[in-house]
Amino acid sequence: MPATETDKAKYIACAEIMPGCSFTSAADTEQELMQKVADHAAQVHGMTEITPDLAAKVKAAIKSR
């Protein structure tokens, strides 16, 4: 049976970085989760580049389950 989002090892809530955003995501690895966050940031927030400062904030907001 495939793992559900709640079974994944890493989790993030965008609201921790962008208050008011309801996006959440989970992945097995931090790298996979960072890609999902980058895709979300580009599509929803219009961010075409993830700066080192933003990447650090995202990594700090990632939780392990």
Protein backbone atom coordinates (compact mmCIF):
# COMPACT_ATOMS: atom_id res chain seq x y z
CA MET A 1 0.00 0.00 0.00
CA PRO A 2 1.45 3.44 -0.91
CA ALA A 3 2.38 5.82 1.88
CA THR A 4 0.01 8.69 2.51
CA GLU A 5 1.14 12.28 3.05
CA THR A 6 0.84 11.76 6.82
CA ASP A 7 3.19 8.74 6.64
CA LYS A 8 6.04 10.71 5.06
CA ALA A 9 9.17 11.46 7.11
CA LYS A 10 9.38 15.25 6.48
CA TYR A 11 6.60 17.85 6.66
CA ILE A 12 6.23 21.61 6.13
CA ALA A 13 3.51 24.21 6.47
CA CYS A 14 4.07 27.23 4.23
CA ALA A 15 2.34 29.49 6.76
CA GLU A 16 5.47 29.25 8.92
CA ILE A 17 7.27 31.22 6.19
CA MET A 18 4.40 32.99 4.39
CA PRO A 19 1.70 33.83 6.96
CA GLY A 20 -1.79 33.13 5.67
CA CYS A 21 -0.76 30.44 3.17
CA SER A 22 -2.57 27.15 3.72
CA PHE A 23 -0.16 24.97 1.69
CA THR A 24 1.29 21.95 3.46
CA SER A 25 3.36 19.14 2.05
CA ALA A 26 5.20 16.01 3.09
CA ALA A 27 7.92 13.87 1.55
CA ASP A 28 10.27 11.02 2.39
CA THR A 29 13.39 13.20 2.13
CA GLU A 30 14.29 16.84 2.71
CA GLN A 31 15.46 17.12 -0.92
CA GLU A 32 12.10 15.90 -2.24
CA LEU A 33 10.24 18.26 0.09
CA MET A 34 12.43 21.22 -0.94
CA GLN A 35 11.49 20.55 -4.59
CA LYS A 36 7.79 20.53 -3.71
CA VAL A 37 8.22 23.79 -1.79
CA ALA A 38 10.12 25.37 -4.71
CA ASP A 39 7.35 24.35 -7.12
CA HIS A 40 4.70 25.79 -4.77
CA ALA A 41 6.67 29.02 -4.28
CA ALA A 42 6.92 29.53 -8.04
CA GLN A 43 3.30 28.67 -8.84
CA VAL A 44 1.53 30.38 -5.94
CA HIS A 45 3.90 33.06 -4.68
CA GLY A 46 5.59 33.96 -7.99
CA MET A 47 9.06 33.21 -6.61
CA THR A 48 11.26 32.11 -9.49
CA GLU A 49 14.44 31.90 -7.41
CA ILE A 50 14.99 30.38 -3.99
CA THR A 51 17.64 32.54 -2.33
CA PRO A 52 20.02 31.07 0.25
CA ASP A 53 18.20 33.05 2.96
CA LEU A 54 14.81 31.68 1.92
CA ALA A 55 16.20 28.14 1.63
CA ALA A 56 17.51 28.44 5.20
CA LYS A 57 14.08 29.58 6.43
CA VAL A 58 12.40 26.68 4.63
CA LYS A 59 14.86 24.15 6.05
CA ALA A 60 14.30 25.56 9.53
CA ALA A 61 10.52 25.12 9.10
CA ILE A 62 10.76 21.46 8.04
CA LYS A 63 9.57 19.07 10.73
CA SER A 64 10.34 15.38 11.06
CA ARG A 65 7.53 12.99 11.88
